[in-house]
Amino acid sequence: MTLQWTVVALFLYVEIALILLLCLPFVSAKRWRSVFNLSIWNWLSPYWNKCFFTMIIILIVLFLDALREVKKYSASEPMQDAKLNPNLFDHMHMKLFRAQRNLYISGFSLFLWLIMRRVVTLINQVASSADMEASLQVQTDSANQSAKKYQEDNLRLRKVLLDEEKANSAQARQILYDGEGGKKDK
């Protein structure tokens, strides 16, 4: 394997390890968010998009190169000459195998690079929504406590008003009774 394909294969292995690490179920999204919020990441964040797109371009170029090699060694022209010499036939199949291997390595590296970015984005979104949910829960609890307090105050005020109304109506009846009783006496 040439140096460039060795680097791409190593890059693929590192991507696989990172994606598996990001997908571990016992590491929470909040913990990953705290890791992503370290000062080193804040320092690197302005360069992250440039690095991401640079890697995409490099992987696309390598993928297209591998695709060209596969087409080159899959064509029937080289195979016609190879039938005359058995060693040449084996050599052509070896080159075709290498081209196909390089195609798979670069294709999977490109695919996993995109997947890794999406996984990191989703982990950050889950952590921020969990933080928002916690703050909304606190806000909802305080609103419920306030509503219960106002409801109790409202019930207390109604009871006081009903008691005053009963007292006023009792006084009014008493005054009427006293007024009617005074008329009967005259």
Protein backbone atom coordinates (compact mmCIF):
# COMPACT_ATOMS: atom_id res chain seq x y z
CA MET A 1 0.00 0.00 0.00
CA THR A 2 1.33 3.41 -0.88
CA LEU A 3 1.71 6.12 1.72
CA GLN A 4 -1.48 7.97 0.78
CA TRP A 5 -3.63 4.86 1.06
CA THR A 6 -1.96 3.87 4.31
CA VAL A 7 -2.88 7.30 5.72
CA VAL A 8 -6.46 6.99 4.44
CA ALA A 9 -6.77 3.51 5.97
CA LEU A 10 -5.39 4.81 9.28
CA PHE A 11 -7.85 7.71 9.07
CA LEU A 12 -10.67 5.19 8.51
CA TYR A 13 -9.63 3.17 11.57
CA VAL A 14 -9.49 6.30 13.73
CA GLU A 15 -12.94 7.34 12.47
CA ILE A 16 -14.37 3.93 13.34
CA ALA A 17 -12.89 4.11 16.83
CA LEU A 18 -14.22 7.64 17.41
CA ILE A 19 -17.71 6.81 16.18
CA LEU A 20 -17.83 3.73 18.40
CA LEU A 21 -16.63 5.87 21.31
CA LEU A 22 -19.30 8.50 20.61
CA CYS A 23 -21.99 5.82 20.47
CA LEU A 24 -21.22 4.30 23.86
CA PRO A 25 -24.54 4.17 25.71
CA PHE A 26 -23.24 4.83 29.22
CA VAL A 27 -21.64 8.19 28.34
CA SER A 28 -24.37 10.82 28.49
CA ALA A 29 -24.85 13.61 26.00
CA LYS A 30 -24.23 16.18 28.75
CA ARG A 31 -20.84 14.63 29.44
CA TRP A 32 -19.94 14.72 25.74
CA ARG A 33 -21.07 18.33 25.60
CA SER A 34 -18.77 19.18 28.51
CA VAL A 35 -15.93 17.48 26.61
CA PHE A 36 -16.80 19.45 23.46
CA ASN A 37 -16.86 22.68 25.48
CA LEU A 38 -13.27 22.35 26.69
CA SER A 39 -11.05 25.33 25.98
CA ILE A 40 -9.00 23.47 23.36
CA TRP A 41 -12.13 22.90 21.27
CA ASN A 42 -13.10 26.54 21.60
CA TRP A 43 -9.66 27.45 20.33
CA LEU A 44 -9.97 25.02 17.38
CA SER A 45 -13.60 25.80 16.49
CA PRO A 46 -12.84 28.60 13.99
CA TYR A 47 -10.74 26.12 12.01
CA TRP A 48 -13.14 23.18 12.30
CA ASN A 49 -15.24 23.94 9.20
CA LYS A 50 -12.14 24.57 7.10
CA CYS A 51 -10.63 21.29 8.29
CA PHE A 52 -13.88 19.43 7.69
CA PHE A 53 -14.29 20.67 4.13
CA THR A 54 -10.60 20.13 3.39
CA MET A 55 -10.90 16.50 4.47
CA ILE A 56 -14.06 16.13 2.38
CA ILE A 57 -12.27 17.45 -0.69
CA ILE A 58 -9.22 15.22 -0.10
CA LEU A 59 -11.39 12.14 0.40
CA ILE A 60 -13.48 12.93 -2.69
CA VAL A 61 -10.32 13.33 -4.80
CA LEU A 62 -8.95 10.03 -3.49
CA PHE A 63 -12.32 8.34 -4.09
CA LEU A 64 -12.42 9.61 -7.68
CA ASP A 65 -8.81 8.48 -8.21
CA ALA A 66 -9.66 5.01 -6.93
CA LEU A 67 -12.75 4.93 -9.14
CA ARG A 68 -10.62 5.86 -12.16
CA GLU A 69 -8.17 3.06 -11.31
CA VAL A 70 -10.99 0.52 -11.02
CA LYS A 71 -12.33 1.54 -14.42
CA LYS A 72 -8.84 1.42 -15.88
CA TYR A 73 -8.16 -2.15 -14.71
CA SER A 74 -11.71 -3.36 -15.34
CA ALA A 75 -11.59 -2.46 -19.02
CA SER A 76 -11.31 -5.31 -21.50
CA GLU A 77 -8.26 -3.91 -23.34
CA PRO A 78 -5.63 -4.78 -20.70
CA MET A 79 -7.22 -8.18 -20.18
CA GLN A 80 -6.82 -9.07 -23.87
CA ASP A 81 -3.07 -8.68 -23.63
CA ALA A 82 -3.04 -10.47 -20.28
CA LYS A 83 -4.51 -13.65 -21.74
CA LEU A 84 -1.33 -14.17 -23.68
CA ASN A 85 0.84 -14.00 -20.57
CA PRO A 86 -0.52 -15.67 -17.38
CA ASN A 87 1.73 -13.61 -15.12
CA LEU A 88 0.39 -10.42 -16.67
CA PHE A 89 -3.17 -11.68 -16.09
CA ASP A 90 -2.43 -12.18 -12.38
CA HIS A 91 -0.71 -8.81 -12.22
CA MET A 92 -3.75 -7.08 -13.74
CA HIS A 93 -6.09 -8.77 -11.26
CA MET A 94 -3.79 -7.75 -8.41
CA LYS A 95 -3.94 -4.11 -9.57
CA LEU A 96 -7.71 -4.35 -9.93
CA PHE A 97 -7.95 -5.75 -6.40
CA ARG A 98 -5.82 -2.89 -5.03
CA ALA A 99 -7.90 -0.31 -6.89
CA GLN A 100 -11.12 -1.80 -5.51
CA ARG A 101 -9.65 -1.91 -2.00
CA ASN A 102 -8.64 1.74 -2.29
CA LEU A 103 -12.11 2.60 -3.56
CA TYR A 104 -13.74 0.97 -0.53
CA ILE A 105 -11.30 2.54 1.92
CA SER A 106 -11.77 6.06 0.54
CA GLY A 107 -15.54 5.63 0.18
CA PHE A 108 -16.02 4.41 3.74
CA SER A 109 -13.70 7.12 5.07
CA LEU A 110 -15.75 9.77 3.30
CA PHE A 111 -19.02 8.26 4.52
CA LEU A 112 -17.85 7.94 8.15
CA TRP A 113 -16.45 11.48 8.13
CA LEU A 114 -19.92 12.77 7.29
CA ILE A 115 -21.51 10.44 9.85
CA MET A 116 -19.11 11.55 12.57
CA ARG A 117 -19.95 15.21 12.02
CA ARG A 118 -23.67 14.41 12.19
CA VAL A 119 -23.26 12.34 15.36
CA VAL A 120 -21.38 15.18 17.09
CA THR A 121 -24.07 17.64 16.01
CA LEU A 122 -26.84 15.38 17.30
CA ILE A 123 -25.07 14.82 20.62
CA ASN A 124 -24.79 18.59 21.09
CA GLN A 125 -28.47 19.05 20.21
CA VAL A 126 -29.55 16.32 22.64
CA ALA A 127 -27.49 17.89 25.42
CA SER A 128 -28.86 21.38 24.77
CA SER A 129 -32.43 20.09 24.64
CA ALA A 130 -31.84 18.23 27.93
CA ASP A 131 -30.55 21.46 29.48
CA MET A 132 -33.56 23.33 28.11
CA GLU A 133 -35.89 20.64 29.41
CA ALA A 134 -34.39 20.93 32.90
CA SER A 135 -34.78 24.72 32.91
CA LEU A 136 -38.35 24.42 31.60
CA GLN A 137 -39.12 21.86 34.30
CA VAL A 138 -37.90 24.26 37.00
CA GLN A 139 -39.93 27.05 35.42
CA THR A 140 -43.02 24.84 35.24
CA ASP A 141 -42.65 23.78 38.87
CA SER A 142 -42.39 27.39 40.04
CA ALA A 143 -45.40 28.34 37.90
CA ASN A 144 -47.38 25.45 39.43
CA GLN A 145 -46.43 26.53 42.95
CA SER A 146 -47.46 30.10 42.18
CA ALA A 147 -50.76 28.92 40.68
CA LYS A 148 -51.49 26.78 43.76
CA LYS A 149 -50.67 29.71 46.04
CA TYR A 150 -52.95 32.03 44.06
CA GLN A 151 -55.68 29.39 44.03
CA GLU A 152 -55.47 29.04 47.82
CA ASP A 153 -55.53 32.83 48.18
CA ASN A 154 -58.54 32.98 45.87
CA LEU A 155 -60.38 30.32 47.89
CA ARG A 156 -59.55 32.11 51.13
CA LEU A 157 -60.80 35.42 49.73
CA ARG A 158 -64.01 33.79 48.47
CA LYS A 159 -64.59 32.29 51.89
CA VAL A 160 -64.01 35.67 53.53
CA LEU A 161 -66.37 37.33 51.04
CA LEU A 162 -69.03 34.67 51.59
CA ASP A 163 -68.70 35.06 55.36
CA GLU A 164 -69.00 38.85 55.03
CA GLU A 165 -71.95 38.45 52.68
CA LYS A 166 -73.65 36.09 55.13
CA ALA A 167 -72.95 38.48 57.95
CA ASN A 168 -74.30 41.41 55.90
CA SER A 169 -77.39 39.46 54.89
CA ALA A 170 -77.89 38.38 58.51
CA GLN A 171 -77.60 42.03 59.59
CA ALA A 172 -80.00 43.06 56.85
CA ARG A 173 -82.49 40.40 57.96
CA GLN A 174 -82.04 41.46 61.52
CA ILE A 175 -82.69 45.08 60.56
CA LEU A 176 -85.71 44.02 58.54
CA TYR A 177 -86.93 41.84 61.35
CA ASP A 178 -86.35 44.60 63.81
CA GLY A 179 -88.10 47.02 61.46
CA GLU A 180 -91.07 44.73 60.98
CA GLY A 181 -91.21 43.94 64.67
CA GLY A 182 -91.28 47.66 65.51
CA LYS A 183 -94.23 48.23 63.15
CA LYS A 184 -96.22 45.43 64.76
CA ASP A 185 -95.66 46.93 68.19
CA LYS A 186 -97.11 50.33 67.15
